[in-house]
Protein backbone atom coordinates (compact mmCIF):
# COMPACT_ATOMS: atom_id res chain seq x y z
CA MET A 1 -74.67 146.47 120.38
CA PHE A 2 -75.61 142.84 119.92
CA LYS A 3 -76.78 141.31 123.16
CA ARG A 4 -75.17 137.92 123.47
CA VAL A 5 -77.42 134.96 124.06
CA ARG A 6 -76.67 133.64 127.50
CA ALA A 7 -74.04 130.97 127.17
CA HIS A 8 -74.10 127.76 129.13
CA GLN A 9 -70.58 128.50 130.33
CA SER A 10 -68.73 131.79 130.53
CA ASN A 11 -65.62 130.27 128.97
CA PRO A 12 -66.39 127.85 126.15
CA THR A 13 -64.50 124.59 126.53
CA THR A 14 -65.90 122.39 123.78
CA THR A 15 -65.68 122.78 120.03
CA PHE A 16 -69.44 123.24 119.67
CA GLU A 17 -69.44 126.05 122.28
CA VAL A 18 -66.54 127.81 120.55
CA LEU A 19 -68.31 127.54 117.20
CA TRP A 20 -71.57 128.84 118.71
CA ARG A 21 -69.69 131.92 119.97
CA ARG A 22 -68.18 132.44 116.51
CA LEU A 23 -71.65 132.20 114.99
CA LEU A 24 -72.95 134.86 117.40
CA THR A 25 -70.04 137.13 116.51
CA ALA A 26 -70.74 136.68 112.79
CA LEU A 27 -74.41 137.51 113.34
CA GLU A 28 -73.44 140.54 115.43
CA GLN A 29 -71.55 141.94 112.45
CA ARG A 30 -74.43 141.42 110.04
CA TYR A 31 -77.76 142.05 111.76
CA ASP A 32 -79.58 144.18 114.28
CA PRO A 33 -79.43 142.99 117.90
CA PHE A 34 -81.35 139.95 119.04
CA ASP A 35 -83.01 139.92 122.43
CA GLU A 36 -80.70 138.25 124.93
CA SER A 37 -83.50 135.96 126.06
CA MET A 38 -83.80 134.33 122.62
CA THR A 39 -82.81 130.69 122.35
CA PRO A 40 -80.51 129.45 119.57
CA ALA A 41 -83.59 127.98 117.86
CA GLU A 42 -85.41 131.32 117.97
CA ILE A 43 -82.41 133.13 116.52
CA ALA A 44 -82.15 130.54 113.75
CA LEU A 45 -85.85 130.87 112.94
CA GLU A 46 -85.65 134.65 112.85
CA VAL A 47 -82.65 134.65 110.50
CA ALA A 48 -84.25 132.04 108.21
CA ALA A 49 -87.59 133.83 108.11
CA SER A 50 -86.17 137.30 107.69
CA VAL A 51 -83.41 136.88 105.15
CA GLY A 52 -83.98 133.35 103.86
CA ASP A 53 -80.62 132.11 105.17
CA ARG A 54 -80.98 128.61 106.62
CA ARG A 55 -77.32 128.18 107.63
CA VAL A 56 -77.95 129.26 111.22
CA SER A 57 -80.87 126.85 111.46
CA GLN A 58 -78.74 124.07 110.01
CA PHE A 59 -76.00 124.78 112.52
CA VAL A 60 -78.38 124.84 115.50
CA TRP A 61 -80.46 121.76 114.65
CA ASP A 62 -77.89 119.57 112.91
CA TYR A 63 -74.84 120.41 115.04
CA TYR A 64 -75.28 122.50 118.19
CA TYR A 65 -78.41 121.02 119.81
CA PRO A 66 -77.44 117.36 119.26
CA ARG A 67 -74.10 117.98 120.98
CA LEU A 68 -75.54 120.16 123.74
CA TYR A 69 -78.63 118.14 124.65
CA GLY A 70 -78.07 114.72 123.11
CA GLN A 71 -74.34 114.51 123.80
CA THR A 72 -74.08 112.96 120.38
CA ASN A 73 -72.96 113.95 116.93
CA GLY A 74 -75.61 115.50 114.76
CA LEU A 75 -75.73 115.48 110.99
CA LEU A 76 -72.79 117.91 110.76
CA SER A 77 -69.22 117.13 111.73
CA ASP A 78 -67.03 119.69 113.50
CA SER A 79 -65.26 120.54 110.24
CA VAL A 80 -68.48 120.97 108.25
CA ALA A 81 -69.96 123.13 111.03
CA GLU A 82 -66.82 125.26 111.04
CA ARG A 83 -67.00 125.72 107.25
CA LEU A 84 -70.61 126.85 107.68
CA ILE A 85 -69.46 129.45 110.24
CA VAL A 86 -66.64 130.61 107.96
CA SER A 87 -69.17 131.12 105.16
CA LEU A 88 -71.25 133.32 107.49
CA GLU A 89 -68.18 135.26 108.58
CA LYS A 90 -67.17 136.02 104.99
CA ARG A 91 -70.52 136.75 103.39
CA LYS A 92 -71.96 140.24 103.69
CA PRO A 93 -75.70 140.92 103.80
CA ALA A 94 -77.34 141.16 100.39
CA GLY A 95 -79.00 144.50 101.01
CA ALA A 96 -77.75 147.69 102.59
CA ASP A 97 -80.28 147.26 105.38
CA ALA A 98 -79.56 144.00 107.18
CA SER A 99 -82.17 144.44 109.87
CA LEU A 100 -84.34 141.45 110.65
CA THR A 101 -88.10 141.40 110.51
CA VAL A 102 -89.89 138.32 111.76
CA SER A 103 -92.18 136.56 109.30
CA THR A 104 -93.69 133.09 109.24
CA PRO A 105 -90.80 130.63 109.65
CA VAL A 106 -90.36 127.13 108.30
CA LEU A 107 -89.76 124.98 111.36
CA PRO A 108 -86.81 122.58 111.20
CA HIS A 109 -86.72 119.13 112.77
CA CYS A 110 -84.31 118.08 115.52
CA SER A 111 -81.77 115.51 114.31
CA VAL A 112 -81.73 113.90 117.77
CA CYS A 113 -85.42 113.39 118.58
CA GLY A 114 -87.08 114.19 115.23
CA ARG A 115 -89.51 116.68 116.75
CA THR A 116 -90.38 119.93 115.04
CA ALA A 117 -88.66 122.97 116.52
CA LEU A 118 -90.39 124.80 119.36
CA THR A 119 -93.14 122.22 119.81
């Protein structure tokens, strides 16, 4: 079973928290479990590096983190972020084996501070 990344609140109250939970549910249906201690950025990097899908990274850096830490809008609006989640919910993994293997990731930049991820 997919171990949920610890949420900031047990009951999501904001749109970005609800969408983050939907993203985790979509990932749960597609991939092997992530360690519950992984941050959203680490999950995004693992998905991007393993299967070449940058949508999780885009969600985290351009939507989720700006709202969570910067209390500001990122590059994605609520509706665009939701469409990104819907695309993850609908799309099935390309191969029969959807397990993730970590490889060298391409680090995204934060849309709030401009720093490279995990630095």
